[in-house]
Each structure stands twice: as structure tokens, then as C-alpha cells.
Protein backbone atom coordinates (compact mmCIF):
# COMPACT_ATOMS: atom_id res chain seq x y z
CA MET A 1 -15.21 -16.43 14.76
CA VAL A 2 -16.40 -12.49 16.53
CA TYR A 3 -12.83 -11.39 18.44
CA ARG A 4 -13.66 -8.21 20.93
CA TYR A 5 -10.88 -5.95 20.88
CA LYS A 6 -10.68 -3.32 24.23
CA THR A 7 -10.25 0.27 22.53
CA SER A 8 -8.23 2.50 23.85
CA GLY A 9 -8.37 6.49 23.46
CA THR A 10 -11.16 6.15 21.76
CA CYS A 11 -15.05 6.84 22.80
CA SER A 12 -15.89 3.37 22.00
CA ALA A 13 -15.46 0.96 24.73
CA PHE A 14 -15.07 -2.73 22.44
CA ILE A 15 -15.49 -3.44 18.57
CA ASP A 16 -16.44 -7.08 17.49
CA VAL A 17 -14.63 -7.81 14.25
CA GLU A 18 -15.57 -10.86 12.40
CA MET A 19 -13.51 -11.84 9.98
CA GLU A 20 -13.12 -14.04 6.57
CA GLY A 21 -8.84 -14.99 6.17
CA ASN A 22 -8.06 -11.00 5.52
CA VAL A 23 -11.51 -9.93 5.04
CA VAL A 24 -13.62 -7.51 6.69
CA LYS A 25 -17.01 -10.04 7.40
CA ASN A 26 -18.47 -7.89 10.28
CA VAL A 27 -17.76 -4.32 12.92
CA VAL A 28 -20.07 -3.49 15.24
CA PHE A 29 -18.68 -0.37 17.83
CA HIS A 30 -19.55 -0.26 20.95
CA GLY A 31 -19.81 3.50 22.25
CA GLY A 32 -18.65 5.97 20.32
CA CYS A 33 -20.74 8.43 17.59
CA HIS A 34 -23.25 5.73 16.82
CA GLY A 35 -24.16 7.06 13.28
CA ASN A 36 -20.81 7.62 11.78
CA LEU A 37 -19.38 4.18 13.42
CA GLN A 38 -22.19 2.15 11.88
CA GLY A 39 -21.07 4.14 8.57
CA ILE A 40 -17.31 2.76 8.92
CA SER A 41 -18.75 0.24 9.82
CA ALA A 42 -21.19 -0.25 6.04
CA LEU A 43 -18.57 0.80 4.52
CA THR A 44 -15.25 -1.60 5.62
CA ARG A 45 -17.35 -4.69 5.32
CA GLY A 46 -15.06 -6.78 2.51
CA MET A 47 -12.60 -5.08 2.82
CA THR A 48 -9.08 -6.59 3.24
CA TYR A 49 -6.81 -6.14 5.42
CA GLU A 50 -4.34 -4.04 3.31
CA GLN A 51 -6.81 -1.56 2.05
CA LEU A 52 -8.27 -0.78 5.66
CA LYS A 53 -4.99 -0.10 6.96
CA GLU A 54 -4.58 1.92 4.00
CA LYS A 55 -7.47 4.04 4.43
CA LEU A 56 -7.99 4.19 8.01
CA SER A 57 -4.39 3.64 9.73
CA GLY A 58 -2.78 7.04 11.06
CA ILE A 59 -6.60 9.08 11.59
CA ARG A 60 -6.90 11.08 14.81
CA CYS A 61 -9.66 12.47 16.61
CA GLY A 62 -9.21 15.94 17.32
CA HIS A 63 -6.26 15.93 19.58
CA LYS A 64 -6.71 12.89 20.55
CA ILE A 65 -3.36 10.75 18.83
CA THR A 66 -5.76 8.00 17.56
CA SER A 67 -9.44 7.40 16.92
CA CYS A 68 -12.52 4.78 16.63
CA PRO A 69 -11.14 3.78 12.84
CA ASP A 70 -7.52 3.50 13.52
CA GLN A 71 -8.33 1.61 16.70
CA LEU A 72 -10.23 -0.67 13.57
CA VAL A 73 -7.11 -1.59 12.12
CA LYS A 74 -5.52 -2.31 15.52
CA ALA A 75 -8.68 -4.71 16.05
CA VAL A 76 -8.21 -5.97 13.07
CA GLU A 77 -4.96 -6.90 13.15
CA ALA A 78 -5.25 -8.58 16.45
CA ALA A 79 -8.37 -10.57 15.21
CA MET A 80 -5.47 -11.84 12.88
CA ALA A 81 -3.22 -12.48 14.92
CA GLN A 82 -5.18 -14.47 17.11
CA ALA A 83 -6.68 -16.71 14.18
CA GLU A 84 -2.82 -17.39 13.24
CA GLN A 85 -2.97 -19.13 16.44
């Protein structure tokens, strides 16, 4: 199942996350720095939620309190919560 997450405080508008249990299967960012976000999507494929959170949670973009990688962690958390329902 693909979960769409509305981002907050970033240039990207949405993140589509596909999970299999706690493992990231696919990530697509809509908006933002296209090349960098393609790289993040490729690098995070196959990572567990725990690995993703450890590496990306709390990353800031310039003066912003969040970033696209940080929002990805939130998107995965939301996708996993929805899957539990």
C-alpha cells in the first residue's frame, strides 16, 4: 500500500511511501530538490524504520527546523500507524 504524507516546512509538498512491515519499499517526493530527493529515495530503499529514524531524524535544512529527510521519517511513522489500523 502507498501512503501519501503532506509535508510541513519543506520545499517538497508530499511524500509517497510504500512499506512492507517496517521496511521501506519505495519513496517518491513531490516537489523539492529533484536530484537530491531521488538520491534519498534510492538510499533509503530497503531500510527499516529504525535505521531510517537513526540516520535521518532531526536533520535540518538551513534555518528550517525540519528537512525532507526528517519529514520522510514522519511519513514512515504515519504510514506504519495507518497500517496498524
